[in-house]
Amino acid sequence: MGKKRAGKLLVTLGLVSTLLVGMTACSGGDSGGKTAESSDSFNQTGLPIVKEPITLNVLTVRWGNMGDTFTKNTWLQNLEKETNIKINWQVMSSNDWGEQKSIMLASGTLPDIVFGDIAFSDSDIVNNLSLFQPLDDYIDKYMPNLKAAMEESPELKKLSTFPDGKMYSLPARLPSRPVTQNQPVINKAWLDRLGLQVPGTIDELHQVLKAFKENDPNGNGKKDEIPYSGSGDISMDLLNPFGITDLNGTGMMIKDGKPVYYPTSEEYKEAIKWAHQLFSEGLIDQELFTQDNTMLTAKQQNPDVSLVGFTHQWTPDAVFGKWKDEYVTIPTISGPDGKRYQVGDPNGLSYRRNELLITTTCKYPEAAARLADQFYTNEASIQNFWGAIDTVIKKNDDGTYALMNPPAGTSADAWYWESSVRDFGPKYVSPSFEKNIILDPSNGDGLKLTIDKLGKDYVTTPFPNVMYTAEEFQELPTLTTDIDTYVRTTRAQWITKGGIDEQWDAYIKKLNEMGLERLVTIRTDAYERYNSVK
């Protein structure tokens, strides 16, 4: 081990040791070994949650250098006063969390609460179940807000039930989320200059891409236009018209109510042949499979002229820089069967799991459960997604809620992350409540909901975000590493060089040798467990 690496590890160990000591020191307060329920201090209903103040250590991980500005959210601050529970936030950066997490799990010394799904993955939890409280009884006895939410939206319980039938983590339903993922985006200025209509079918799209290549729609006198561009597996969106959709990147789809592995399907084969035709005619970026996001961004935001004609994006406004006004989102493209297929989730891209865990070292699990339940009201949830009322959100006299404008020089999204826990942590906004939320349709979350209308009717039911057993988690990495790599490699080769018909049988044989049948069995078993949750 080099000196620099050894030094870095010692520093990390030191930081984690300090953190763990701090957690241990603050966690118990002076409970004398009693649980909150057995103590006269604990109130099973109403506020405060405890008569005598206690402290709970709450670990959360934030992206990069986001820091802890969210702790100044007045809803969170008022929560401490109303409940009599001091939240001792332990804020970690995602930049070095991986190393710290391994040490923490190995030591078994955890905080009282883990907050946000970025901290521990399904496999982290499944392989360390002894460190986390089963929450079913706590939900039943102390969490009426979450119980009501699960009755209204059964997806919450299905998503959060582990293979042993218990819930070890709490779910979330984020507000005002779309149904669709990426939508087709086209350079409308190019269409107008060439007198073309917005394409609606793959044949019309083919003709438009040819026109983009053969003419000079950016007007600089060069043939430098790139009809279609993306990077890596973003190219999968190009296959949507053939019924190929994969929201969670598993290689699985639901077809006629059953899970299928689509990279061995005839639809996939025909989609690849179509993509190869486009590539061979120079209509697809020739660097599609080799460029990184930096190279792609340089093309999208080329300083002299716009270069990209067609792509798929969440929203176009943050992608194309000074050329953003040239681009519009268009309806989903129809395929050979005349139907349209769109990546997304009919339930909405709202549901999350592993948003809060209570550890087995927590001396006040009942109080922790009641604290978590305070996050599951509509008003609490919007304040923990965007920011506090009177700070980020304006509550109107008619019962509606509108987002204020961010400070000068700050984007709306950055402001929301500074002002709230945003994507992380427990929350639930009822679908019926969302009509009370007023969003600006020209940017951010409001713009995505406007765009969403173009494709939401065509969203296919995705293979869900299922849960696996510890044994399945042991097998999956080897299977998916080999199989997924082989599928991606052959897809890139067939799109760029062709040969899928000649190589198809050997491809299927190779996948079977790699254990495809076992992989599909594991995925299917997990899917059936997921659907068995009532």
Protein backbone atom coordinates (compact mmCIF):
# COMPACT_ATOMS: atom_id res chain seq x y z
CA MET A 1 0.00 0.00 0.00
CA GLY A 2 1.44 3.40 -1.00
CA LYS A 3 2.02 6.09 1.62
CA LYS A 4 -0.63 8.40 0.16
CA ARG A 5 -3.28 5.69 0.14
CA ALA A 6 -2.34 4.52 3.63
CA GLY A 7 -2.46 8.09 4.90
CA LYS A 8 -5.85 8.67 3.33
CA LEU A 9 -7.19 5.47 4.92
CA LEU A 10 -5.87 6.48 8.35
CA VAL A 11 -7.54 9.87 8.02
CA THR A 12 -10.80 8.23 6.98
CA LEU A 13 -10.60 5.75 9.86
CA GLY A 14 -9.96 8.64 12.21
CA LEU A 15 -12.93 10.61 10.93
CA VAL A 16 -15.23 7.61 11.13
CA SER A 17 -13.99 6.73 14.62
CA THR A 18 -14.69 10.28 15.76
CA LEU A 19 -18.15 10.12 14.21
CA LEU A 20 -18.96 6.76 15.78
CA VAL A 21 -17.82 7.96 19.21
CA GLY A 22 -20.00 11.03 18.80
CA MET A 23 -22.97 8.90 17.83
CA THR A 24 -22.50 6.58 20.78
CA ALA A 25 -22.05 9.46 23.17
CA CYS A 26 -25.24 11.25 22.11
CA SER A 27 -27.48 8.34 21.24
CA GLY A 28 -28.78 7.15 24.53
CA GLY A 29 -29.17 10.32 26.53
CA ASP A 30 -29.81 9.17 30.10
CA SER A 31 -32.47 6.57 29.45
CA GLY A 32 -31.08 4.20 32.06
CA GLY A 33 -31.74 1.34 29.65
CA LYS A 34 -35.50 2.02 29.36
CA THR A 35 -37.26 2.29 26.05
CA ALA A 36 -39.33 5.36 25.41
CA GLU A 37 -42.51 3.29 25.61
CA SER A 38 -41.68 1.98 29.08
CA SER A 39 -40.76 5.46 30.26
CA ASP A 40 -43.26 7.86 31.78
CA SER A 41 -41.78 10.48 29.45
CA PHE A 42 -43.18 8.95 26.22
CA ASN A 43 -46.54 10.09 24.82
CA GLN A 44 -48.11 7.53 22.52
CA THR A 45 -50.22 10.21 20.82
CA GLY A 46 -50.18 13.98 20.52
CA LEU A 47 -47.29 16.37 20.98
CA PRO A 48 -44.74 16.56 22.41
CA ILE A 49 -43.62 13.01 21.68
CA VAL A 50 -41.62 12.95 24.93
CA LYS A 51 -42.16 15.04 28.05
CA GLU A 52 -38.44 15.22 28.85
CA PRO A 53 -36.09 16.23 26.01
CA ILE A 54 -34.08 13.52 24.26
CA THR A 55 -31.54 13.57 21.44
CA LEU A 56 -31.61 11.32 18.38
CA ASN A 57 -28.59 11.03 16.14
CA VAL A 58 -29.68 11.15 12.50
CA LEU A 59 -27.20 10.27 9.75
CA THR A 60 -27.87 11.58 6.26
CA VAL A 61 -25.76 11.60 3.09
CA ARG A 62 -25.86 14.54 0.68
CA TRP A 63 -24.58 14.81 -2.89
CA GLY A 64 -21.04 16.16 -3.18
CA ASN A 65 -20.51 19.35 -1.22
CA MET A 66 -24.14 20.24 -0.53
CA GLY A 67 -23.53 20.59 3.20
CA ASP A 68 -26.12 21.08 5.92
CA THR A 69 -27.98 24.26 4.92
CA PHE A 70 -31.20 22.18 4.85
CA THR A 71 -31.11 22.00 8.66
CA LYS A 72 -32.18 25.67 8.73
CA ASN A 73 -35.54 24.67 7.23
CA THR A 74 -38.01 26.19 9.71
CA TRP A 75 -40.32 23.16 9.52
CA LEU A 76 -37.47 20.95 10.72
CA GLN A 77 -36.54 23.42 13.44
CA ASN A 78 -40.15 23.69 14.62
CA LEU A 79 -40.38 19.89 14.61
CA GLU A 80 -37.70 19.70 17.31
CA LYS A 81 -39.56 22.21 19.49
CA GLU A 82 -42.95 20.55 19.03
CA THR A 83 -41.73 16.99 19.65
CA ASN A 84 -39.15 17.70 22.39
CA ILE A 85 -36.67 15.68 20.34
CA LYS A 86 -33.34 17.24 19.43
CA ILE A 87 -32.11 16.02 16.04
CA ASN A 88 -28.34 15.73 16.01
CA TRP A 89 -27.70 15.73 12.26
CA GLN A 90 -24.64 13.79 11.08
CA VAL A 91 -24.24 15.03 7.49
CA MET A 92 -21.97 13.01 5.19
CA SER A 93 -20.80 13.74 1.65
CA SER A 94 -21.46 11.16 -1.07
CA ASN A 95 -17.87 11.74 -2.22
CA ASP A 96 -16.37 9.59 0.51
CA TRP A 97 -19.41 7.85 1.94
CA GLY A 98 -18.62 4.46 0.35
CA GLU A 99 -15.49 3.93 2.42
CA GLN A 100 -17.08 5.28 5.59
CA LYS A 101 -20.17 3.12 5.10
CA SER A 102 -18.13 -0.08 4.89
CA ILE A 103 -16.37 0.70 8.14
CA MET A 104 -19.62 1.64 9.85
CA LEU A 105 -21.39 -1.57 8.82
CA ALA A 106 -18.39 -3.68 9.78
CA SER A 107 -18.21 -2.09 13.23
CA GLY A 108 -21.96 -2.31 13.80
CA THR A 109 -21.93 1.10 15.45
CA LEU A 110 -24.66 3.15 13.86
CA PRO A 111 -26.68 6.27 14.68
CA ASP A 112 -30.26 6.06 15.91
CA ILE A 113 -31.75 6.89 12.51
CA VAL A 114 -30.45 6.66 8.94
CA PHE A 115 -32.19 9.24 6.73
CA GLY A 116 -32.39 9.07 2.92
CA ASP A 117 -32.04 6.26 0.40
CA ILE A 118 -28.57 7.30 -0.72
CA ALA A 119 -27.10 5.98 2.55
CA PHE A 120 -27.83 2.24 2.47
CA SER A 121 -28.85 0.13 -0.53
CA ASP A 122 -31.12 -2.89 -0.49
CA SER A 123 -28.13 -5.23 -0.29
CA ASP A 124 -26.56 -3.22 2.56
CA ILE A 125 -29.75 -3.70 4.56
CA VAL A 126 -30.52 -7.30 3.58
CA ASN A 127 -26.98 -8.39 4.45
CA ASN A 128 -27.04 -6.57 7.80
CA LEU A 129 -30.60 -7.08 9.03
CA SER A 130 -29.47 -7.42 12.66
CA LEU A 131 -28.53 -3.71 12.61
CA PHE A 132 -32.01 -2.45 11.69
CA GLN A 133 -35.35 -2.55 13.48
CA PRO A 134 -38.30 -4.32 11.80
CA LEU A 135 -40.79 -1.46 11.62
CA ASP A 136 -44.17 -3.17 11.06
CA ASP A 137 -45.26 -3.06 14.71
CA TYR A 138 -44.04 0.52 15.12
CA ILE A 139 -45.97 1.55 12.01
CA ASP A 140 -49.11 -0.13 13.29
CA LYS A 141 -48.91 1.38 16.80
CA TYR A 142 -47.26 4.78 16.34
CA MET A 143 -47.47 5.91 12.71
CA PRO A 144 -51.08 6.78 11.76
CA ASN A 145 -49.99 9.15 8.99
CA LEU A 146 -47.95 6.46 7.23
CA LYS A 147 -50.67 3.83 7.81
CA ALA A 148 -53.21 6.08 6.10
CA ALA A 149 -50.77 6.71 3.24
CA MET A 150 -50.20 2.98 2.71
CA GLU A 151 -53.95 2.38 2.62
CA GLU A 152 -54.37 5.07 -0.02
CA SER A 153 -51.26 4.02 -2.00
CA PRO A 154 -50.55 0.26 -1.56
CA GLU A 155 -47.41 0.69 -3.70
CA LEU A 156 -45.68 2.09 -0.59
CA LYS A 157 -45.93 -1.21 1.26
CA LYS A 158 -45.19 -3.39 -1.79
CA LEU A 159 -42.06 -1.39 -2.47
CA SER A 160 -40.78 -1.52 1.11
CA THR A 161 -41.51 -5.11 2.11
CA PHE A 162 -38.33 -7.19 2.33
CA PRO A 163 -38.16 -10.85 1.27
CA ASP A 164 -38.87 -12.04 4.84
CA GLY A 165 -42.19 -10.16 4.75
CA LYS A 166 -41.11 -7.33 7.07
CA MET A 167 -40.48 -3.63 6.53
CA TYR A 168 -37.04 -2.46 7.68
CA SER A 169 -37.14 0.89 5.95
CA LEU A 170 -39.73 3.57 5.34
CA PRO A 171 -40.98 4.66 1.89
CA ALA A 172 -41.73 8.01 0.29
CA ARG A 173 -44.01 9.42 -2.36
CA LEU A 174 -42.58 12.65 -3.77
CA PRO A 175 -44.93 15.43 -4.87
CA SER A 176 -45.71 16.49 -8.43
CA ARG A 177 -43.50 13.91 -10.10
CA PRO A 178 -44.05 12.97 -13.77
CA VAL A 179 -45.09 9.63 -15.21
CA THR A 180 -42.58 9.72 -18.09
CA GLN A 181 -38.81 9.58 -17.99
CA ASN A 182 -36.97 10.95 -21.06
CA GLN A 183 -39.00 12.34 -23.96
CA PRO A 184 -38.00 12.93 -27.61
CA VAL A 185 -36.50 16.40 -28.11
CA ILE A 186 -35.98 17.93 -31.56
CA ASN A 187 -34.43 21.09 -32.96
CA LYS A 188 -37.57 22.95 -34.03
CA ALA A 189 -35.51 25.77 -35.58
CA TRP A 190 -33.97 23.23 -37.98
CA LEU A 191 -37.39 21.83 -38.86
CA ASP A 192 -38.69 25.31 -39.62
CA ARG A 193 -35.70 26.25 -41.78
CA LEU A 194 -36.17 23.09 -43.85
CA GLY A 195 -39.97 23.39 -43.98
CA LEU A 196 -40.45 20.06 -42.17
CA GLN A 197 -43.17 18.87 -39.81
CA VAL A 198 -42.59 17.31 -36.39
CA PRO A 199 -42.09 13.56 -37.00
CA GLY A 200 -44.61 11.19 -35.43
CA THR A 201 -43.51 7.79 -36.80
CA ILE A 202 -40.16 6.06 -37.23
CA ASP A 203 -40.41 6.52 -41.02
CA GLU A 204 -41.04 10.25 -40.62
CA LEU A 205 -38.19 10.46 -38.11
CA HIS A 206 -35.89 8.70 -40.58
CA GLN A 207 -36.72 11.24 -43.27
CA VAL A 208 -36.20 14.19 -40.90
CA LEU A 209 -32.82 12.87 -39.76
CA LYS A 210 -31.76 12.46 -43.41
CA ALA A 211 -32.82 16.04 -44.13
CA PHE A 212 -30.80 17.25 -41.13
CA LYS A 213 -27.71 15.47 -42.49
CA GLU A 214 -28.02 16.35 -46.17
CA ASN A 215 -28.96 20.01 -45.83
CA ASP A 216 -27.51 22.81 -43.72
CA PRO A 217 -30.15 23.53 -41.09
CA ASN A 218 -27.75 25.34 -38.73
CA GLY A 219 -26.82 27.68 -41.58
CA ASN A 220 -23.04 27.73 -41.20
CA GLY A 221 -22.26 26.35 -44.67
CA LYS A 222 -20.76 23.13 -43.27
CA LYS A 223 -21.99 19.56 -43.06
CA ASP A 224 -21.37 19.41 -39.31
CA GLU A 225 -24.91 18.63 -38.16
CA ILE A 226 -25.38 15.53 -35.99
CA PRO A 227 -28.91 14.25 -36.67
CA TYR A 228 -29.12 12.13 -33.49
CA SER A 229 -26.80 12.10 -30.49
CA GLY A 230 -26.62 10.72 -26.98
CA SER A 231 -24.12 8.73 -24.95
CA GLY A 232 -23.83 5.17 -23.72
CA ASP A 233 -27.07 3.45 -22.79
CA ILE A 234 -29.03 6.65 -23.43
CA SER A 235 -29.23 5.14 -26.92
CA MET A 236 -31.79 2.69 -25.48
CA ASP A 237 -34.39 5.46 -25.76
CA LEU A 238 -34.01 5.24 -29.54
CA LEU A 239 -35.41 1.69 -29.37
CA ASN A 240 -38.64 2.71 -27.60
CA PRO A 241 -40.82 2.69 -30.76
CA PHE A 242 -40.26 -1.08 -30.99
CA GLY A 243 -41.75 -1.60 -27.53
CA ILE A 244 -38.38 -1.70 -25.77
CA THR A 245 -38.65 0.17 -22.48
CA ASP A 246 -36.52 -0.40 -19.37
CA LEU A 247 -37.07 2.09 -16.54
CA ASN A 248 -34.88 0.37 -13.95
CA GLY A 249 -32.13 -0.95 -16.23
CA THR A 250 -32.66 -4.64 -15.44
CA GLY A 251 -33.10 -5.97 -18.99
CA MET A 252 -36.59 -7.04 -17.92
CA MET A 253 -39.99 -5.91 -19.17
CA ILE A 254 -43.58 -6.79 -18.33
CA LYS A 255 -45.29 -8.26 -21.39
CA ASP A 256 -48.83 -9.61 -21.22
CA GLY A 257 -48.58 -9.40 -17.46
CA LYS A 258 -45.41 -11.51 -17.22
CA PRO A 259 -41.73 -10.59 -16.80
CA VAL A 260 -39.59 -11.22 -19.89
CA TYR A 261 -35.93 -10.66 -20.72
CA TYR A 262 -36.20 -8.38 -23.75
CA PRO A 263 -32.58 -8.53 -25.11
CA THR A 264 -33.47 -12.00 -26.48
CA SER A 265 -36.77 -10.90 -28.04
CA GLU A 266 -37.67 -10.42 -31.70
CA GLU A 267 -38.70 -6.82 -30.96
CA TYR A 268 -35.19 -6.10 -29.67
CA LYS A 269 -33.65 -7.71 -32.74
CA GLU A 270 -35.76 -5.58 -35.11
CA ALA A 271 -35.01 -2.42 -33.11
CA ILE A 272 -31.26 -3.03 -33.37
CA LYS A 273 -31.50 -3.59 -37.14
CA TRP A 274 -33.37 -0.29 -37.52
CA ALA A 275 -30.79 1.55 -35.40
CA HIS A 276 -27.99 0.04 -37.50
CA GLN A 277 -29.62 1.36 -40.67
CA LEU A 278 -29.65 4.87 -39.19
CA PHE A 279 -26.04 4.52 -38.06
CA SER A 280 -24.84 3.22 -41.43
CA GLU A 281 -26.43 6.25 -43.13
CA GLY A 282 -24.59 8.61 -40.78
CA LEU A 283 -27.79 9.69 -39.02
CA ILE A 284 -26.58 8.63 -35.57
CA ASP A 285 -23.59 10.22 -33.88
CA GLN A 286 -20.62 8.06 -34.88
CA GLU A 287 -19.18 8.58 -31.37
CA LEU A 288 -22.40 7.46 -29.64
CA PHE A 289 -20.79 4.55 -27.80
CA THR A 290 -17.39 6.10 -27.11
CA GLN A 291 -18.12 9.63 -25.94
CA ASP A 292 -18.56 10.61 -22.32
CA ASN A 293 -20.90 13.29 -21.01
CA THR A 294 -18.22 15.97 -21.34
CA MET A 295 -17.87 15.29 -25.07
CA LEU A 296 -21.63 15.19 -25.52
CA THR A 297 -22.13 18.46 -23.64
CA ALA A 298 -19.51 20.12 -25.83
CA LYS A 299 -21.60 19.19 -28.88
CA GLN A 300 -24.90 20.20 -27.30
CA GLN A 301 -23.50 23.56 -26.22
CA ASN A 302 -21.16 24.26 -29.15
CA PRO A 303 -20.50 28.03 -28.98
CA ASP A 304 -20.82 28.78 -32.71
CA VAL A 305 -23.95 26.96 -33.93
CA SER A 306 -26.30 24.26 -32.72
CA LEU A 307 -25.06 20.83 -33.78
CA VAL A 308 -27.60 18.26 -32.54
CA GLY A 309 -30.93 17.65 -34.27
CA PHE A 310 -32.68 14.99 -32.21
CA THR A 311 -32.20 13.37 -28.80
CA HIS A 312 -34.05 12.25 -25.66
CA GLN A 313 -34.01 14.36 -22.50
CA TRP A 314 -35.74 14.89 -19.16
CA THR A 315 -36.22 18.54 -20.16
CA PRO A 316 -34.37 20.42 -22.91
CA ASP A 317 -33.88 23.69 -21.03
CA ALA A 318 -30.81 22.66 -19.02
CA VAL A 319 -29.03 20.74 -21.78
CA PHE A 320 -28.44 22.95 -24.80
CA GLY A 321 -27.11 26.14 -23.23
CA LYS A 322 -27.53 29.19 -25.46
CA TRP A 323 -29.40 27.09 -28.05
CA LYS A 324 -32.11 25.87 -25.65
CA ASP A 325 -34.81 27.98 -27.32
CA GLU A 326 -34.28 26.09 -30.60
CA TYR A 327 -35.44 22.82 -29.02
CA VAL A 328 -38.89 21.49 -28.19
CA THR A 329 -40.11 18.27 -26.64
CA ILE A 330 -42.39 16.29 -28.98
CA PRO A 331 -44.87 13.42 -28.53
CA THR A 332 -43.59 9.87 -28.31
CA ILE A 333 -42.65 8.37 -31.70
CA SER A 334 -44.80 5.46 -32.94
CA GLY A 335 -43.22 2.19 -34.08
CA PRO A 336 -43.75 -0.44 -36.81
CA ASP A 337 -46.97 -1.67 -35.19
CA GLY A 338 -48.41 1.87 -35.16
CA LYS A 339 -48.29 2.04 -31.35
CA ARG A 340 -46.30 4.37 -29.10
CA TYR A 341 -44.23 3.13 -26.17
CA GLN A 342 -42.81 5.43 -23.52
CA VAL A 343 -40.38 4.76 -20.66
CA GLY A 344 -41.83 5.65 -17.27
CA ASP A 345 -44.20 4.33 -14.63
CA PRO A 346 -48.00 4.64 -14.73
CA ASN A 347 -47.89 5.06 -10.92
CA GLY A 348 -45.59 8.08 -11.39
CA LEU A 349 -41.86 8.42 -10.76
CA SER A 350 -42.72 9.26 -7.18
CA TYR A 351 -42.16 6.18 -5.06
CA ARG A 352 -38.98 5.48 -3.11
CA ARG A 353 -37.85 3.11 -0.36
CA ASN A 354 -35.07 3.02 2.24
CA GLU A 355 -35.81 6.65 3.09
CA LEU A 356 -35.57 6.11 6.86
CA LEU A 357 -34.21 3.28 8.98
CA ILE A 358 -34.23 2.94 12.77
CA THR A 359 -31.22 1.02 14.01
CA THR A 360 -31.22 -1.65 16.70
CA THR A 361 -28.88 0.52 18.80
CA CYS A 362 -31.53 3.26 19.05
CA LYS A 363 -32.75 3.43 22.67
CA TYR A 364 -35.91 5.29 21.74
CA PRO A 365 -37.36 3.41 18.74
CA GLU A 366 -40.95 4.31 19.61
CA ALA A 367 -40.08 8.00 19.78
CA ALA A 368 -38.08 7.67 16.55
CA ALA A 369 -41.07 6.08 14.82
CA ARG A 370 -43.41 8.84 16.00
CA LEU A 371 -40.87 11.45 14.88
CA ALA A 372 -40.70 9.84 11.42
CA ASP A 373 -44.50 9.84 11.18
CA GLN A 374 -44.54 13.64 11.42
CA PHE A 375 -42.97 13.72 7.93
CA TYR A 376 -45.95 11.93 6.34
CA THR A 377 -48.46 14.78 6.09
CA ASN A 378 -49.03 16.73 2.88
CA GLU A 379 -47.78 20.04 4.30
CA ALA A 380 -44.74 18.45 5.94
CA SER A 381 -43.86 16.66 2.72
CA ILE A 382 -43.95 19.66 0.40
CA GLN A 383 -41.83 21.60 2.91
CA ASN A 384 -39.31 18.78 2.95
CA PHE A 385 -39.23 18.61 -0.83
CA TRP A 386 -39.02 22.28 -1.80
CA GLY A 387 -38.57 24.34 1.37
CA ALA A 388 -40.50 25.77 4.28
CA ILE A 389 -43.71 27.76 4.02
CA ASP A 390 -42.96 31.51 4.04
CA THR A 391 -39.38 30.77 2.97
CA VAL A 392 -39.71 28.88 -0.34
CA ILE A 393 -43.43 28.11 -0.43
CA LYS A 394 -46.27 30.62 -0.26
CA LYS A 395 -49.51 29.30 1.22
CA ASN A 396 -52.44 31.10 -0.37
CA ASP A 397 -55.78 31.92 1.23
CA ASP A 398 -57.57 29.50 -1.13
CA GLY A 399 -55.59 26.53 0.19
CA THR A 400 -53.13 26.36 -2.69
CA TYR A 401 -49.35 26.40 -2.42
CA ALA A 402 -47.02 28.22 -4.83
CA LEU A 403 -43.24 28.23 -5.07
CA MET A 404 -41.52 31.59 -4.67
CA ASN A 405 -38.81 32.76 -7.05
CA PRO A 406 -35.26 31.76 -6.08
CA PRO A 407 -32.69 34.39 -5.07
CA ALA A 408 -30.93 36.15 -7.94
CA GLY A 409 -28.13 34.04 -9.38
CA THR A 410 -29.50 30.77 -7.97
CA SER A 411 -31.39 28.15 -9.98
CA ALA A 412 -34.69 26.93 -8.60
CA ASP A 413 -33.43 23.35 -8.25
CA ALA A 414 -30.29 24.42 -6.36
CA TRP A 415 -32.42 26.55 -4.05
CA TYR A 416 -34.70 23.63 -3.24
CA TRP A 417 -31.71 21.43 -2.37
CA GLU A 418 -30.29 24.15 -0.12
CA SER A 419 -33.65 24.70 1.60
CA SER A 420 -34.87 21.14 2.16
CA VAL A 421 -33.93 17.47 2.36
CA ARG A 422 -35.39 17.41 -1.22
CA ASP A 423 -35.36 13.86 -2.67
CA PHE A 424 -34.24 12.25 0.57
CA GLY A 425 -36.19 11.18 3.65
CA PRO A 426 -39.75 10.05 4.38
CA LYS A 427 -42.61 12.01 2.85
CA TYR A 428 -46.01 11.42 1.33
CA VAL A 429 -48.09 13.72 -0.81
CA SER A 430 -51.53 12.34 -1.58
CA PRO A 431 -52.38 12.29 -5.32
CA SER A 432 -55.58 14.19 -4.50
CA PHE A 433 -53.56 16.96 -2.79
CA GLU A 434 -51.40 17.70 -5.82
CA LYS A 435 -54.07 19.86 -7.43
CA ASN A 436 -53.33 22.38 -4.65
CA ILE A 437 -49.67 22.74 -5.70
CA ILE A 438 -48.99 25.54 -8.20
CA LEU A 439 -45.81 25.16 -10.26
CA ASP A 440 -44.38 27.44 -12.95
CA PRO A 441 -44.93 25.52 -16.22
CA SER A 442 -41.97 27.23 -17.89
CA ASN A 443 -39.13 25.75 -15.83
CA GLY A 444 -38.01 23.09 -13.37
CA ASP A 445 -40.56 20.68 -11.92
CA GLY A 446 -43.46 22.54 -13.55
CA LEU A 447 -41.91 22.30 -17.02
CA LYS A 448 -41.44 18.55 -16.64
CA LEU A 449 -45.11 18.12 -15.78
CA THR A 450 -46.04 20.12 -18.89
CA ILE A 451 -43.78 17.92 -21.03
CA ASP A 452 -45.15 14.83 -19.29
CA LYS A 453 -48.51 15.30 -21.00
CA LEU A 454 -46.91 14.48 -24.37
CA GLY A 455 -46.04 10.92 -23.40
CA LYS A 456 -47.85 9.85 -20.25
CA ASP A 457 -50.62 8.02 -22.12
CA TYR A 458 -48.04 5.75 -23.76
CA VAL A 459 -46.07 4.70 -20.68
CA THR A 460 -45.67 0.94 -20.39
CA THR A 461 -45.78 -0.88 -17.05
CA PRO A 462 -42.13 -1.31 -16.06
CA PHE A 463 -40.47 -4.24 -14.35
CA PRO A 464 -40.69 -2.83 -10.82
CA ASN A 465 -37.94 -2.00 -8.38
CA VAL A 466 -38.12 -5.38 -6.66
CA MET A 467 -36.29 -6.63 -3.57
CA TYR A 468 -33.87 -9.57 -3.46
CA THR A 469 -32.83 -12.01 -0.73
CA ALA A 470 -29.32 -12.16 0.71
CA GLU A 471 -28.70 -15.35 -1.28
CA GLU A 472 -29.91 -13.73 -4.49
CA PHE A 473 -27.71 -10.71 -3.83
CA GLN A 474 -24.73 -13.07 -3.67
CA GLU A 475 -25.49 -14.45 -7.13
CA LEU A 476 -26.64 -11.31 -8.92
CA PRO A 477 -23.33 -9.39 -9.19
CA THR A 478 -21.58 -12.19 -11.10
CA LEU A 479 -24.54 -12.85 -13.36
CA THR A 480 -25.30 -9.22 -14.15
CA THR A 481 -21.67 -8.20 -14.62
CA ASP A 482 -21.08 -10.85 -17.28
CA ILE A 483 -24.48 -10.78 -18.96
CA ASP A 484 -25.07 -7.01 -18.92
CA THR A 485 -21.58 -6.32 -20.25
CA TYR A 486 -22.01 -8.83 -23.06
CA VAL A 487 -25.43 -7.44 -24.02
CA ARG A 488 -24.15 -3.84 -24.07
CA THR A 489 -21.07 -4.82 -26.10
CA THR A 490 -23.03 -6.74 -28.70
CA ARG A 491 -25.65 -4.00 -28.93
CA ALA A 492 -22.98 -1.40 -29.69
CA GLN A 493 -21.32 -3.72 -32.21
CA TRP A 494 -24.57 -4.54 -34.01
CA ILE A 495 -25.70 -0.91 -34.20
CA THR A 496 -22.33 0.28 -35.51
CA LYS A 497 -21.29 -2.70 -37.68
CA GLY A 498 -24.37 -4.83 -38.22
CA GLY A 499 -24.41 -8.63 -38.29
CA ILE A 500 -27.20 -9.33 -35.81
CA ASP A 501 -28.96 -11.92 -38.01
CA GLU A 502 -25.79 -13.93 -38.56
CA GLN A 503 -24.68 -13.76 -34.93
CA TRP A 504 -28.06 -14.07 -33.16
CA ASP A 505 -28.00 -17.81 -32.45
CA ALA A 506 -24.44 -17.68 -31.08
CA TYR A 507 -25.46 -14.68 -28.96
CA ILE A 508 -28.38 -16.58 -27.40
CA LYS A 509 -26.15 -19.63 -26.79
CA LYS A 510 -23.53 -17.47 -25.08
CA LEU A 511 -26.11 -15.81 -22.82
CA ASN A 512 -27.41 -19.21 -21.76
CA GLU A 513 -23.86 -20.34 -20.97
CA MET A 514 -23.44 -17.23 -18.82
CA GLY A 515 -26.43 -18.19 -16.68
CA LEU A 516 -29.26 -16.20 -18.25
CA GLU A 517 -31.87 -18.73 -17.14
CA ARG A 518 -30.78 -18.37 -13.52
CA LEU A 519 -30.79 -14.55 -13.78
CA VAL A 520 -34.33 -14.55 -15.16
CA THR A 521 -35.44 -16.96 -12.41
CA ILE A 522 -34.06 -14.66 -9.70
CA ARG A 523 -35.74 -11.62 -11.24
CA THR A 524 -39.03 -13.50 -11.67
CA ASP A 525 -39.02 -14.87 -8.12
CA ALA A 526 -38.46 -11.35 -6.77
CA TYR A 527 -41.27 -10.04 -8.98
CA GLU A 528 -43.68 -12.67 -7.67
CA ARG A 529 -42.78 -11.84 -4.05
CA TYR A 530 -43.33 -8.17 -4.82
CA ASN A 531 -46.80 -8.86 -6.22
CA SER A 532 -47.73 -11.11 -3.29
CA VAL A 533 -47.56 -8.23 -0.78
CA LYS A 534 -51.02 -7.16 0.33
